[in-house]
Amino acid sequence: MIETHDGAVIDIRDFGYRRGPADVIAQLARGEEVDPSLYYMRTTPQFETGDPRYAWLNYTLVVGTGGRQKASVTLTFYEVL
């Protein structure tokens, strides 16, 4: 769950895949910085909220790409129109 800057609570269930060459996946597992172009990371998040300001998320199809950094994961989401 996340809380938006304006106080809405949104549940996120994220399903996806990360794959790549064994040596690259091993680098990621060790927490090393790896260029995201060297592996495949895609995701399909599903959002749910009871907050009417963000209700549109309940019915929006989204896909995303991702990258793993040393201490975090960065995801970029795209609405499918």
N, C-alpha and C. Protein backbone atom coordinates (compact mmCIF):
# COMPACT_ATOMS: atom_id res chain seq x y z
N MET A 1 0.84 -1.17 0.00
CA MET A 1 0.00 0.00 0.00
C MET A 1 0.88 1.24 0.00
N ILE A 2 0.35 2.27 -0.63
CA ILE A 2 1.01 3.56 -0.58
C ILE A 2 0.00 4.60 -0.10
N GLU A 3 0.51 5.69 0.41
CA GLU A 3 -0.33 6.84 0.75
C GLU A 3 0.15 8.00 -0.12
N THR A 4 -0.77 8.60 -0.85
CA THR A 4 -0.43 9.71 -1.73
C THR A 4 -0.14 10.97 -0.93
N HIS A 5 0.39 11.96 -1.60
CA HIS A 5 0.71 13.23 -0.95
C HIS A 5 -0.52 13.90 -0.35
N ASP A 6 -1.72 13.54 -0.86
CA ASP A 6 -2.95 14.17 -0.36
C ASP A 6 -3.78 13.22 0.50
N GLY A 7 -3.15 12.16 0.99
CA GLY A 7 -3.78 11.30 1.99
C GLY A 7 -4.57 10.11 1.50
N ALA A 8 -4.62 9.86 0.21
CA ALA A 8 -5.34 8.69 -0.30
C ALA A 8 -4.49 7.44 -0.10
N VAL A 9 -5.15 6.33 0.22
CA VAL A 9 -4.46 5.05 0.37
C VAL A 9 -4.79 4.20 -0.86
N ILE A 10 -3.74 3.67 -1.48
CA ILE A 10 -3.89 2.87 -2.69
C ILE A 10 -3.15 1.55 -2.50
N ASP A 11 -3.86 0.46 -2.70
CA ASP A 11 -3.26 -0.88 -2.64
C ASP A 11 -2.70 -1.19 -4.03
N ILE A 12 -1.48 -1.69 -4.08
CA ILE A 12 -0.85 -2.04 -5.34
C ILE A 12 -0.43 -3.50 -5.27
N ARG A 13 -0.89 -4.28 -6.22
CA ARG A 13 -0.45 -5.67 -6.38
C ARG A 13 0.26 -5.74 -7.72
N ASP A 14 1.53 -6.07 -7.64
CA ASP A 14 2.39 -5.97 -8.81
C ASP A 14 2.89 -7.35 -9.22
N PHE A 15 2.65 -7.70 -10.47
CA PHE A 15 3.06 -9.00 -11.00
C PHE A 15 4.02 -8.75 -12.16
N GLY A 16 5.08 -9.51 -12.22
CA GLY A 16 6.00 -9.27 -13.31
C GLY A 16 7.11 -10.29 -13.41
N TYR A 17 8.04 -9.98 -14.28
CA TYR A 17 9.16 -10.88 -14.57
C TYR A 17 10.45 -10.09 -14.64
N ARG A 18 11.51 -10.71 -14.17
CA ARG A 18 12.86 -10.21 -14.37
C ARG A 18 13.69 -11.38 -14.82
N ARG A 19 14.33 -11.22 -15.96
CA ARG A 19 15.19 -12.29 -16.46
C ARG A 19 16.35 -11.69 -17.23
N GLY A 20 17.38 -12.47 -17.37
CA GLY A 20 18.56 -12.01 -18.09
C GLY A 20 19.65 -13.04 -18.00
N PRO A 21 20.82 -12.73 -18.53
CA PRO A 21 21.94 -13.65 -18.45
C PRO A 21 22.30 -13.97 -16.99
N ALA A 22 22.74 -15.18 -16.75
CA ALA A 22 23.03 -15.62 -15.38
C ALA A 22 24.00 -14.70 -14.66
N ASP A 23 25.02 -14.21 -15.34
CA ASP A 23 25.99 -13.34 -14.68
C ASP A 23 25.37 -12.00 -14.28
N VAL A 24 24.46 -11.50 -15.08
CA VAL A 24 23.79 -10.23 -14.77
C VAL A 24 22.84 -10.42 -13.58
N ILE A 25 22.09 -11.51 -13.57
CA ILE A 25 21.19 -11.79 -12.44
C ILE A 25 22.00 -11.98 -11.16
N ALA A 26 23.16 -12.61 -11.26
CA ALA A 26 24.03 -12.78 -10.09
C ALA A 26 24.52 -11.43 -9.57
N GLN A 27 24.85 -10.52 -10.47
CA GLN A 27 25.26 -9.17 -10.06
C GLN A 27 24.12 -8.47 -9.31
N LEU A 28 22.91 -8.59 -9.84
CA LEU A 28 21.75 -8.00 -9.16
C LEU A 28 21.56 -8.60 -7.78
N ALA A 29 21.71 -9.92 -7.68
CA ALA A 29 21.53 -10.60 -6.39
C ALA A 29 22.57 -10.14 -5.36
N ARG A 30 23.74 -9.76 -5.84
CA ARG A 30 24.78 -9.25 -4.93
C ARG A 30 24.58 -7.78 -4.59
N GLY A 31 23.58 -7.15 -5.19
CA GLY A 31 23.31 -5.75 -4.91
C GLY A 31 24.16 -4.79 -5.70
N GLU A 32 24.77 -5.27 -6.77
CA GLU A 32 25.61 -4.42 -7.61
C GLU A 32 24.75 -3.58 -8.55
N GLU A 33 25.27 -2.42 -8.94
CA GLU A 33 24.61 -1.58 -9.93
C GLU A 33 24.74 -2.24 -11.29
N VAL A 34 23.62 -2.42 -11.99
CA VAL A 34 23.61 -3.05 -13.31
C VAL A 34 22.73 -2.20 -14.23
N ASP A 35 23.21 -1.95 -15.41
CA ASP A 35 22.44 -1.19 -16.41
C ASP A 35 21.16 -1.96 -16.72
N PRO A 36 19.98 -1.35 -16.55
CA PRO A 36 18.72 -2.05 -16.81
C PRO A 36 18.56 -2.56 -18.24
N SER A 37 19.32 -2.02 -19.17
CA SER A 37 19.22 -2.51 -20.55
C SER A 37 19.84 -3.90 -20.71
N LEU A 38 20.54 -4.39 -19.68
CA LEU A 38 21.18 -5.70 -19.74
C LEU A 38 20.27 -6.84 -19.30
N TYR A 39 19.08 -6.51 -18.81
CA TYR A 39 18.12 -7.54 -18.40
C TYR A 39 16.71 -7.06 -18.69
N TYR A 40 15.76 -7.99 -18.60
CA TYR A 40 14.36 -7.72 -18.91
C TYR A 40 13.59 -7.66 -17.60
N MET A 41 12.91 -6.55 -17.35
CA MET A 41 12.08 -6.41 -16.16
C MET A 41 10.80 -5.70 -16.56
N ARG A 42 9.70 -6.44 -16.55
CA ARG A 42 8.39 -5.89 -16.92
C ARG A 42 7.37 -6.25 -15.85
N THR A 43 6.35 -5.42 -15.74
CA THR A 43 5.39 -5.59 -14.65
C THR A 43 3.98 -5.18 -15.08
N THR A 44 3.00 -5.75 -14.42
CA THR A 44 1.60 -5.39 -14.65
C THR A 44 0.94 -5.14 -13.29
N PRO A 45 1.02 -3.92 -12.79
CA PRO A 45 0.42 -3.60 -11.50
C PRO A 45 -1.09 -3.49 -11.58
N GLN A 46 -1.73 -3.83 -10.47
CA GLN A 46 -3.18 -3.62 -10.33
C GLN A 46 -3.39 -2.75 -9.10
N PHE A 47 -4.18 -1.71 -9.26
CA PHE A 47 -4.42 -0.75 -8.20
C PHE A 47 -5.84 -0.89 -7.67
N GLU A 48 -6.00 -0.62 -6.37
CA GLU A 48 -7.34 -0.62 -5.77
C GLU A 48 -7.37 0.44 -4.69
N THR A 49 -8.40 1.28 -4.76
CA THR A 49 -8.59 2.31 -3.75
C THR A 49 -10.07 2.61 -3.58
N GLY A 50 -10.43 3.00 -2.39
CA GLY A 50 -11.80 3.45 -2.13
C GLY A 50 -11.92 4.96 -2.19
N ASP A 51 -10.80 5.63 -2.41
CA ASP A 51 -10.81 7.09 -2.47
C ASP A 51 -11.35 7.54 -3.82
N PRO A 52 -12.44 8.29 -3.85
CA PRO A 52 -13.06 8.68 -5.12
C PRO A 52 -12.14 9.51 -6.03
N ARG A 53 -11.17 10.20 -5.46
CA ARG A 53 -10.26 11.01 -6.28
C ARG A 53 -9.37 10.14 -7.17
N TYR A 54 -9.16 8.90 -6.75
CA TYR A 54 -8.28 8.00 -7.50
C TYR A 54 -9.01 6.75 -7.98
N ALA A 55 -10.33 6.77 -7.96
CA ALA A 55 -11.12 5.61 -8.36
C ALA A 55 -10.81 5.15 -9.79
N TRP A 56 -10.40 6.07 -10.64
CA TRP A 56 -10.05 5.72 -12.02
C TRP A 56 -8.97 4.64 -12.08
N LEU A 57 -8.11 4.56 -11.05
CA LEU A 57 -7.06 3.53 -11.01
C LEU A 57 -7.64 2.12 -10.91
N ASN A 58 -8.83 2.00 -10.31
CA ASN A 58 -9.46 0.69 -10.15
C ASN A 58 -9.80 0.05 -11.49
N TYR A 59 -9.90 0.86 -12.54
CA TYR A 59 -10.35 0.38 -13.85
C TYR A 59 -9.37 0.73 -14.95
N THR A 60 -8.11 0.87 -14.61
CA THR A 60 -7.10 1.27 -15.59
C THR A 60 -6.09 0.14 -15.78
N LEU A 61 -5.84 -0.21 -17.03
CA LEU A 61 -4.83 -1.21 -17.36
C LEU A 61 -3.47 -0.52 -17.46
N VAL A 62 -2.51 -1.05 -16.73
CA VAL A 62 -1.19 -0.44 -16.64
C VAL A 62 -0.13 -1.50 -16.87
N VAL A 63 0.92 -1.13 -17.59
CA VAL A 63 2.12 -1.97 -17.73
C VAL A 63 3.31 -1.14 -17.30
N GLY A 64 4.41 -1.80 -16.98
CA GLY A 64 5.56 -1.05 -16.52
C GLY A 64 6.87 -1.72 -16.84
N THR A 65 7.92 -0.92 -16.74
CA THR A 65 9.29 -1.40 -16.85
C THR A 65 9.98 -1.10 -15.54
N GLY A 66 11.06 -1.81 -15.30
CA GLY A 66 11.74 -1.60 -14.03
C GLY A 66 13.23 -1.75 -14.12
N GLY A 67 13.86 -1.31 -13.06
CA GLY A 67 15.30 -1.45 -12.90
C GLY A 67 15.63 -1.56 -11.43
N ARG A 68 16.62 -2.38 -11.12
CA ARG A 68 17.03 -2.58 -9.73
C ARG A 68 18.30 -1.80 -9.48
N GLN A 69 18.27 -0.93 -8.48
CA GLN A 69 19.45 -0.23 -8.03
C GLN A 69 19.98 -0.92 -6.78
N LYS A 70 21.07 -0.41 -6.25
CA LYS A 70 21.70 -1.03 -5.10
C LYS A 70 20.74 -1.19 -3.91
N ALA A 71 19.97 -0.15 -3.61
CA ALA A 71 19.10 -0.18 -2.42
C ALA A 71 17.64 0.05 -2.74
N SER A 72 17.26 -0.01 -4.02
CA SER A 72 15.87 0.27 -4.36
C SER A 72 15.54 -0.33 -5.73
N VAL A 73 14.25 -0.24 -6.05
CA VAL A 73 13.77 -0.63 -7.37
C VAL A 73 13.02 0.56 -7.94
N THR A 74 13.26 0.86 -9.21
CA THR A 74 12.57 1.94 -9.89
C THR A 74 11.61 1.33 -10.90
N LEU A 75 10.33 1.70 -10.81
CA LEU A 75 9.33 1.24 -11.76
C LEU A 75 8.74 2.44 -12.49
N THR A 76 8.56 2.29 -13.79
CA THR A 76 7.91 3.32 -14.59
C THR A 76 6.65 2.70 -15.16
N PHE A 77 5.49 3.30 -14.86
CA PHE A 77 4.21 2.75 -15.29
C PHE A 77 3.65 3.52 -16.46
N TYR A 78 2.94 2.80 -17.33
CA TYR A 78 2.30 3.38 -18.51
C TYR A 78 0.85 2.91 -18.57
N GLU A 79 -0.06 3.86 -18.73
CA GLU A 79 -1.47 3.52 -18.90
C GLU A 79 -1.70 3.03 -20.32
N VAL A 80 -2.40 1.91 -20.45
CA VAL A 80 -2.75 1.38 -21.77
C VAL A 80 -4.07 1.99 -22.16
N LEU A 81 -4.08 2.72 -23.27
CA LEU A 81 -5.28 3.40 -23.72
C LEU A 81 -6.03 2.57 -24.76
